[in-house]
Amino acid sequence: MGKHFVSARAVGLIVVSLRRVRCSAAFKAAGTAKIYGHAEVLQQLKDIADKLLQPKETRFIGDRLHFVSVADGEAVSVIGRATTFFDIHSTKTKQFGFSMDIGGGKKLTCCGDEPCNEFGKPYAENSEWLLHEAFCLHSQADIFDPYSKNHSTVKDACELAESLHVKNLLLYHTEDKNLSARKELYRAEGKKYFSGKIHVPDDLDALAL
């Protein structure tokens, strides 16, 4: 979880979670929510919440909204699925990925906000689903300069997934200059390097695992 994630997106994550538990409380239901992360990022989340949200919202933190600290290599049950968290050894800030058992001997792995490296490959290998950033098309790397930000191109992510024997590759954390054609363009470039299925979701798309 990178610094820009904490500063720009974490508030949304907390607000959505708090609204869920507030609705549960209003109807006297037993709803709770959990956010998993390493200790440092969870403290950042709490600090942001305390600064930006009202006491009537933050009072649910620790009561109905639980921050669960995990360590590198630790396996816990998340929504009933065995999930192992791993340090991706980010070049920017401490950041974890995860690999989740989705049943039938299959796993879903998320590599975080940077290219999957040697630390993440043992978790990502043979994944039924691999969630991997792809900042732009390789053909547009000179325009978007992904490597200076320690990001991948579609080609890079697809070559990696192919080498790790992945079945489904979901590409995210992309540039947004051509959203209407992004799916087609990314799939067209990716299929040259990856023999599995390529998914390039839009906001609010739902996928069946």
C-alpha atoms as a PDB file:
ATOM      1  CA  MET A   1       0.000   0.000   0.000  1.00  0.00           C
ATOM      2  CA  GLY A   2       1.787   3.120  -1.242  1.00  0.00           C
ATOM      3  CA  LYS A   3       1.822   6.628   0.172  1.00  0.00           C
ATOM      4  CA  HIS A   4      -0.456   7.958  -2.530  1.00  0.00           C
ATOM      5  CA  PHE A   5      -2.959   5.199  -1.754  1.00  0.00           C
ATOM      6  CA  VAL A   6      -3.011   6.183   1.900  1.00  0.00           C
ATOM      7  CA  SER A   7      -3.424   9.883   1.187  1.00  0.00           C
ATOM      8  CA  ALA A   8      -5.830   9.778  -1.764  1.00  0.00           C
ATOM      9  CA  ARG A   9      -7.932   6.638  -1.432  1.00  0.00           C
ATOM     10  CA  ALA A  10      -7.840   5.498   2.160  1.00  0.00           C
ATOM     11  CA  VAL A  11     -10.444   8.016   3.284  1.00  0.00           C
ATOM     12  CA  GLY A  12     -12.897   6.552   0.780  1.00  0.00           C
ATOM     13  CA  LEU A  13     -12.172   3.052   2.046  1.00  0.00           C
ATOM     14  CA  ILE A  14     -12.799   4.101   5.639  1.00  0.00           C
ATOM     15  CA  VAL A  15     -15.924   6.121   4.828  1.00  0.00           C
ATOM     16  CA  VAL A  16     -17.522   3.242   2.898  1.00  0.00           C
ATOM     17  CA  SER A  17     -16.715   0.826   5.706  1.00  0.00           C
ATOM     18  CA  LEU A  18     -18.013   3.194   8.373  1.00  0.00           C
ATOM     19  CA  ARG A  19     -21.249   3.824   6.506  1.00  0.00           C
ATOM     20  CA  ARG A  20     -21.789   0.102   6.313  1.00  0.00           C
ATOM     21  CA  VAL A  21     -21.359  -0.398  10.026  1.00  0.00           C
ATOM     22  CA  ARG A  22     -23.374   2.758  10.851  1.00  0.00           C
ATOM     23  CA  CYS A  23     -26.305   1.388   8.855  1.00  0.00           C
ATOM     24  CA  SER A  24     -25.988  -1.903  10.690  1.00  0.00           C
ATOM     25  CA  ALA A  25     -25.960  -0.090  14.015  1.00  0.00           C
ATOM     26  CA  ALA A  26     -29.001   2.001  13.082  1.00  0.00           C
ATOM     27  CA  PHE A  27     -30.975  -1.157  12.414  1.00  0.00           C
ATOM     28  CA  LYS A  28     -29.492  -2.862  15.485  1.00  0.00           C
ATOM     29  CA  ALA A  29     -27.805  -5.470  13.290  1.00  0.00           C
ATOM     30  CA  ALA A  30     -24.521  -7.125  14.148  1.00  0.00           C
ATOM     31  CA  GLY A  31     -22.626  -5.938  11.070  1.00  0.00           C
ATOM     32  CA  THR A  32     -18.869  -5.421  11.291  1.00  0.00           C
ATOM     33  CA  ALA A  33     -16.079  -4.769   8.815  1.00  0.00           C
ATOM     34  CA  LYS A  34     -12.342  -5.423   8.844  1.00  0.00           C
ATOM     35  CA  ILE A  35      -9.420  -3.718   7.128  1.00  0.00           C
ATOM     36  CA  TYR A  36      -6.194  -5.734   6.968  1.00  0.00           C
ATOM     37  CA  GLY A  37      -2.733  -4.220   6.664  1.00  0.00           C
ATOM     38  CA  HIS A  38       0.669  -3.891   8.254  1.00  0.00           C
ATOM     39  CA  ALA A  39       0.907  -1.894  11.469  1.00  0.00           C
ATOM     40  CA  GLU A  40       2.348   1.248   9.888  1.00  0.00           C
ATOM     41  CA  VAL A  41      -0.362   1.686   7.276  1.00  0.00           C
ATOM     42  CA  LEU A  42      -3.142   0.958   9.762  1.00  0.00           C
ATOM     43  CA  GLN A  43      -1.814   3.705  12.027  1.00  0.00           C
ATOM     44  CA  GLN A  44      -1.822   6.069   9.041  1.00  0.00           C
ATOM     45  CA  LEU A  45      -5.432   5.141   8.317  1.00  0.00           C
ATOM     46  CA  LYS A  46      -6.447   5.836  11.905  1.00  0.00           C
ATOM     47  CA  ASP A  47      -4.615   9.170  11.924  1.00  0.00           C
ATOM     48  CA  ILE A  48      -6.342  10.230   8.692  1.00  0.00           C
ATOM     49  CA  ALA A  49      -9.737   9.158  10.016  1.00  0.00           C
ATOM     50  CA  ASP A  50      -9.240  11.081  13.262  1.00  0.00           C
ATOM     51  CA  LYS A  51      -8.276  14.243  11.352  1.00  0.00           C
ATOM     52  CA  LEU A  52     -10.944  14.192   8.659  1.00  0.00           C
ATOM     53  CA  LEU A  53     -13.995  12.389  10.024  1.00  0.00           C
ATOM     54  CA  GLN A  54     -16.445  13.295  12.758  1.00  0.00           C
ATOM     55  CA  PRO A  55     -16.492  11.609  16.183  1.00  0.00           C
ATOM     56  CA  LYS A  56     -19.922  10.129  15.417  1.00  0.00           C
ATOM     57  CA  GLU A  57     -18.183   8.177  12.643  1.00  0.00           C
ATOM     58  CA  THR A  58     -14.809   7.371  14.183  1.00  0.00           C
ATOM     59  CA  ARG A  59     -16.455   5.973  17.322  1.00  0.00           C
ATOM     60  CA  PHE A  60     -17.127   2.803  15.325  1.00  0.00           C
ATOM     61  CA  ILE A  61     -13.397   2.182  14.783  1.00  0.00           C
ATOM     62  CA  GLY A  62     -12.414  -0.617  17.110  1.00  0.00           C
ATOM     63  CA  ASP A  63     -16.065  -1.385  17.818  1.00  0.00           C
ATOM     64  CA  ARG A  64     -17.621  -2.327  14.487  1.00  0.00           C
ATOM     65  CA  LEU A  65     -14.809  -1.384  12.110  1.00  0.00           C
ATOM     66  CA  HIS A  66     -11.680  -3.337  13.017  1.00  0.00           C
ATOM     67  CA  PHE A  67      -8.144  -2.681  11.820  1.00  0.00           C
ATOM     68  CA  VAL A  68      -6.333  -6.039  11.713  1.00  0.00           C
ATOM     69  CA  SER A  69      -2.543  -5.937  11.691  1.00  0.00           C
ATOM     70  CA  VAL A  70      -0.777  -8.662   9.703  1.00  0.00           C
ATOM     71  CA  ALA A  71       2.885  -9.529   9.230  1.00  0.00           C
ATOM     72  CA  ASP A  72       4.921 -10.629   6.236  1.00  0.00           C
ATOM     73  CA  GLY A  73       4.098 -14.263   5.475  1.00  0.00           C
ATOM     74  CA  GLU A  74       1.201 -14.373   7.929  1.00  0.00           C
ATOM     75  CA  ALA A  75      -1.868 -16.402   6.931  1.00  0.00           C
ATOM     76  CA  VAL A  76      -5.309 -15.465   8.262  1.00  0.00           C
ATOM     77  CA  SER A  77      -8.900 -16.250   7.362  1.00  0.00           C
ATOM     78  CA  VAL A  78     -10.541 -13.467   5.324  1.00  0.00           C
ATOM     79  CA  ILE A  79     -14.237 -13.965   4.433  1.00  0.00           C
ATOM     80  CA  GLY A  80     -13.674 -17.620   5.212  1.00  0.00           C
ATOM     81  CA  ARG A  81     -10.711 -17.941   2.833  1.00  0.00           C
ATOM     82  CA  ALA A  82      -7.129 -18.668   3.841  1.00  0.00           C
ATOM     83  CA  THR A  83      -5.181 -15.553   2.881  1.00  0.00           C
ATOM     84  CA  THR A  84      -1.431 -15.018   3.095  1.00  0.00           C
ATOM     85  CA  PHE A  85      -0.018 -11.499   3.188  1.00  0.00           C
ATOM     86  CA  PHE A  86       3.477 -10.750   1.911  1.00  0.00           C
ATOM     87  CA  ASP A  87       5.836  -7.784   1.856  1.00  0.00           C
ATOM     88  CA  ILE A  88       6.454  -6.813  -1.778  1.00  0.00           C
ATOM     89  CA  HIS A  89       9.638  -4.944  -0.751  1.00  0.00           C
ATOM     90  CA  SER A  90       8.418  -1.742  -2.363  1.00  0.00           C
ATOM     91  CA  THR A  91      10.937   0.824  -3.508  1.00  0.00           C
ATOM     92  CA  LYS A  92       8.615   3.597  -2.248  1.00  0.00           C
ATOM     93  CA  THR A  93       7.139   2.620   1.100  1.00  0.00           C
ATOM     94  CA  LYS A  94       6.256  -0.545   2.989  1.00  0.00           C
ATOM     95  CA  GLN A  95       3.533  -2.348   1.088  1.00  0.00           C
ATOM     96  CA  PHE A  96       1.887  -5.759   1.225  1.00  0.00           C
ATOM     97  CA  GLY A  97       0.316  -7.978  -1.393  1.00  0.00           C
ATOM     98  CA  PHE A  98      -1.795 -11.044  -0.667  1.00  0.00           C
ATOM     99  CA  SER A  99      -2.633 -14.489  -1.987  1.00  0.00           C
ATOM    100  CA  MET A 100      -6.072 -15.963  -1.239  1.00  0.00           C
ATOM    101  CA  ASP A 101      -7.226 -19.569  -1.501  1.00  0.00           C
ATOM    102  CA  ILE A 102     -10.441 -19.402  -3.544  1.00  0.00           C
ATOM    103  CA  GLY A 103     -11.182 -23.125  -3.370  1.00  0.00           C
ATOM    104  CA  GLY A 104     -10.622 -26.092  -5.619  1.00  0.00           C
ATOM    105  CA  GLY A 105      -6.863 -25.769  -5.308  1.00  0.00           C
ATOM    106  CA  LYS A 106      -6.982 -22.293  -6.889  1.00  0.00           C
ATOM    107  CA  LYS A 107      -5.673 -18.976  -5.620  1.00  0.00           C
ATOM    108  CA  LEU A 108      -6.076 -15.271  -6.306  1.00  0.00           C
ATOM    109  CA  THR A 109      -2.987 -13.110  -5.865  1.00  0.00           C
ATOM    110  CA  CYS A 110      -2.653  -9.339  -5.758  1.00  0.00           C
ATOM    111  CA  CYS A 111       0.857  -7.951  -6.180  1.00  0.00           C
ATOM    112  CA  GLY A 112       0.197  -4.471  -4.851  1.00  0.00           C
ATOM    113  CA  ASP A 113       1.127  -1.178  -6.481  1.00  0.00           C
ATOM    114  CA  GLU A 114       4.422  -2.174  -8.134  1.00  0.00           C
ATOM    115  CA  PRO A 115       5.673  -4.842 -10.551  1.00  0.00           C
ATOM    116  CA  CYS A 116       5.787  -8.323  -9.076  1.00  0.00           C
ATOM    117  CA  ASN A 117       9.403  -9.038  -8.119  1.00  0.00           C
ATOM    118  CA  GLU A 118      11.316 -12.053  -6.830  1.00  0.00           C
ATOM    119  CA  PHE A 119       9.679 -11.713  -3.410  1.00  0.00           C
ATOM    120  CA  GLY A 120       6.189 -11.927  -4.853  1.00  0.00           C
ATOM    121  CA  LYS A 121       6.705 -14.534  -7.562  1.00  0.00           C
ATOM    122  CA  PRO A 122       6.408 -17.589  -5.261  1.00  0.00           C
ATOM    123  CA  TYR A 123       2.952 -16.347  -4.230  1.00  0.00           C
ATOM    124  CA  ALA A 124       1.865 -15.347  -7.738  1.00  0.00           C
ATOM    125  CA  GLU A 125       3.055 -18.473  -9.521  1.00  0.00           C
ATOM    126  CA  ASN A 126       0.272 -20.767 -10.761  1.00  0.00           C
ATOM    127  CA  SER A 127      -2.440 -18.336  -9.663  1.00  0.00           C
ATOM    128  CA  GLU A 128      -5.880 -18.802 -11.148  1.00  0.00           C
ATOM    129  CA  TRP A 129      -6.198 -15.014 -10.893  1.00  0.00           C
ATOM    130  CA  LEU A 130      -3.377 -12.489 -10.807  1.00  0.00           C
ATOM    131  CA  LEU A 131      -4.146  -8.840 -10.091  1.00  0.00           C
ATOM    132  CA  HIS A 132      -1.274  -6.745 -11.438  1.00  0.00           C
ATOM    133  CA  GLU A 133      -0.740  -3.084 -12.190  1.00  0.00           C
ATOM    134  CA  ALA A 134      -0.161  -2.037 -15.816  1.00  0.00           C
ATOM    135  CA  PHE A 135       0.268   1.701 -16.079  1.00  0.00           C
ATOM    136  CA  CYS A 136       0.063   1.938 -19.858  1.00  0.00           C
ATOM    137  CA  LEU A 137       0.540   0.198 -23.169  1.00  0.00           C
ATOM    138  CA  HIS A 138       4.131  -0.729 -23.937  1.00  0.00           C
ATOM    139  CA  SER A 139       3.696   1.123 -27.221  1.00  0.00           C
ATOM    140  CA  GLN A 140       3.009   4.294 -25.208  1.00  0.00           C
ATOM    141  CA  ALA A 141       5.758   3.917 -22.619  1.00  0.00           C
ATOM    142  CA  ASP A 142       7.541   6.929 -24.081  1.00  0.00           C
ATOM    143  CA  ILE A 143       4.434   9.012 -23.386  1.00  0.00           C
ATOM    144  CA  PHE A 144       3.540   7.853 -19.861  1.00  0.00           C
ATOM    145  CA  ASP A 145       7.033   6.951 -18.602  1.00  0.00           C
ATOM    146  CA  PRO A 146       5.924   4.069 -16.329  1.00  0.00           C
ATOM    147  CA  TYR A 147       9.413   2.944 -15.337  1.00  0.00           C
ATOM    148  CA  SER A 148      10.268   6.208 -13.609  1.00  0.00           C
ATOM    149  CA  LYS A 149       7.264   5.520 -11.349  1.00  0.00           C
ATOM    150  CA  ASN A 150       8.245   1.866 -10.879  1.00  0.00           C
ATOM    151  CA  HIS A 151       5.242   0.623 -12.836  1.00  0.00           C
ATOM    152  CA  SER A 152       4.749  -1.903 -15.612  1.00  0.00           C
ATOM    153  CA  THR A 153       3.416  -1.766 -19.130  1.00  0.00           C
ATOM    154  CA  VAL A 154       0.756  -4.166 -20.407  1.00  0.00           C
ATOM    155  CA  LYS A 155       3.483  -6.145 -22.180  1.00  0.00           C
ATOM    156  CA  ASP A 156       5.544  -6.420 -18.991  1.00  0.00           C
ATOM    157  CA  ALA A 157       2.611  -7.651 -16.898  1.00  0.00           C
ATOM    158  CA  CYS A 158       1.523 -10.142 -19.554  1.00  0.00           C
ATOM    159  CA  GLU A 159       5.005 -11.573 -20.015  1.00  0.00           C
ATOM    160  CA  LEU A 160       5.275 -11.976 -16.255  1.00  0.00           C
ATOM    161  CA  ALA A 161       1.887 -13.711 -16.012  1.00  0.00           C
ATOM    162  CA  GLU A 162       2.804 -16.064 -18.840  1.00  0.00           C
ATOM    163  CA  SER A 163       6.086 -17.004 -17.162  1.00  0.00           C
ATOM    164  CA  LEU A 164       4.246 -17.702 -13.886  1.00  0.00           C
ATOM    165  CA  HIS A 165       1.598 -19.922 -15.536  1.00  0.00           C
ATOM    166  CA  VAL A 166      -1.310 -17.671 -14.562  1.00  0.00           C
ATOM    167  CA  LYS A 167      -4.792 -18.432 -15.931  1.00  0.00           C
ATOM    168  CA  ASN A 168      -6.521 -15.036 -15.591  1.00  0.00           C
ATOM    169  CA  LEU A 169      -4.735 -11.690 -15.531  1.00  0.00           C
ATOM    170  CA  LEU A 170      -6.553  -8.613 -14.239  1.00  0.00           C
ATOM    171  CA  LEU A 171      -4.838  -5.329 -15.097  1.00  0.00           C
ATOM    172  CA  TYR A 172      -5.423  -2.258 -12.931  1.00  0.00           C
ATOM    173  CA  HIS A 173      -3.784   1.021 -11.897  1.00  0.00           C
ATOM    174  CA  THR A 174      -3.814   2.237 -15.494  1.00  0.00           C
ATOM    175  CA  GLU A 175      -3.622   5.644 -17.107  1.00  0.00           C
ATOM    176  CA  ASP A 176      -7.039   7.037 -17.964  1.00  0.00           C
ATOM    177  CA  LYS A 177      -6.523   9.085 -21.100  1.00  0.00           C
ATOM    178  CA  ASN A 178      -8.518   6.777 -23.381  1.00  0.00           C
ATOM    179  CA  LEU A 179     -11.025   4.954 -21.193  1.00  0.00           C
ATOM    180  CA  SER A 180     -13.490   4.236 -23.987  1.00  0.00           C
ATOM    181  CA  ALA A 181     -10.949   2.134 -25.897  1.00  0.00           C
ATOM    182  CA  ARG A 182      -8.796   0.938 -23.001  1.00  0.00           C
ATOM    183  CA  LYS A 183     -10.170  -2.618 -22.791  1.00  0.00           C
ATOM    184  CA  GLU A 184      -9.661  -3.276 -26.484  1.00  0.00           C
ATOM    185  CA  LEU A 185      -6.239  -1.654 -26.665  1.00  0.00           C
ATOM    186  CA  TYR A 186      -4.864  -3.381 -23.568  1.00  0.00           C
ATOM    187  CA  ARG A 187      -6.207  -6.785 -24.589  1.00  0.00           C
ATOM    188  CA  ALA A 188      -4.851  -6.396 -28.118  1.00  0.00           C
ATOM    189  CA  GLU A 189      -1.347  -5.688 -26.843  1.00  0.00           C
ATOM    190  CA  GLY A 190      -1.537  -8.215 -24.025  1.00  0.00           C
ATOM    191  CA  LYS A 191      -2.625 -11.238 -26.065  1.00  0.00           C
ATOM    192  CA  LYS A 192       0.675 -11.082 -27.957  1.00  0.00           C
ATOM    193  CA  TYR A 193       2.462 -12.044 -24.733  1.00  0.00           C
ATOM    194  CA  PHE A 194      -0.099 -13.898 -22.605  1.00  0.00           C
ATOM    195  CA  SER A 195      -2.096 -16.982 -23.545  1.00  0.00           C
ATOM    196  CA  GLY A 196      -4.645 -16.783 -20.709  1.00  0.00           C
ATOM    197  CA  LYS A 197      -7.599 -14.454 -20.259  1.00  0.00           C
ATOM    198  CA  ILE A 198      -6.982 -10.728 -19.852  1.00  0.00           C
ATOM    199  CA  HIS A 199      -9.401  -8.610 -17.834  1.00  0.00           C
ATOM    200  CA  VAL A 200      -9.334  -4.807 -17.876  1.00  0.00           C
ATOM    201  CA  PRO A 201     -12.248  -3.782 -15.655  1.00  0.00           C
ATOM    202  CA  ASP A 202     -13.973  -0.442 -15.581  1.00  0.00           C
ATOM    203  CA  ASP A 203     -15.143   1.054 -12.283  1.00  0.00           C
ATOM    204  CA  LEU A 204     -17.946  -1.013 -10.714  1.00  0.00           C
ATOM    205  CA  ASP A 205     -17.451  -3.979 -13.058  1.00  0.00           C
ATOM    206  CA  ALA A 206     -18.119  -7.320 -11.333  1.00  0.00           C
ATOM    207  CA  LEU A 207     -16.241 -10.504 -12.233  1.00  0.00           C
ATOM    208  CA  ALA A 208     -17.122 -14.086 -11.318  1.00  0.00           C
ATOM    209  CA  LEU A 209     -14.104 -15.964  -9.998  1.00  0.00           C
END
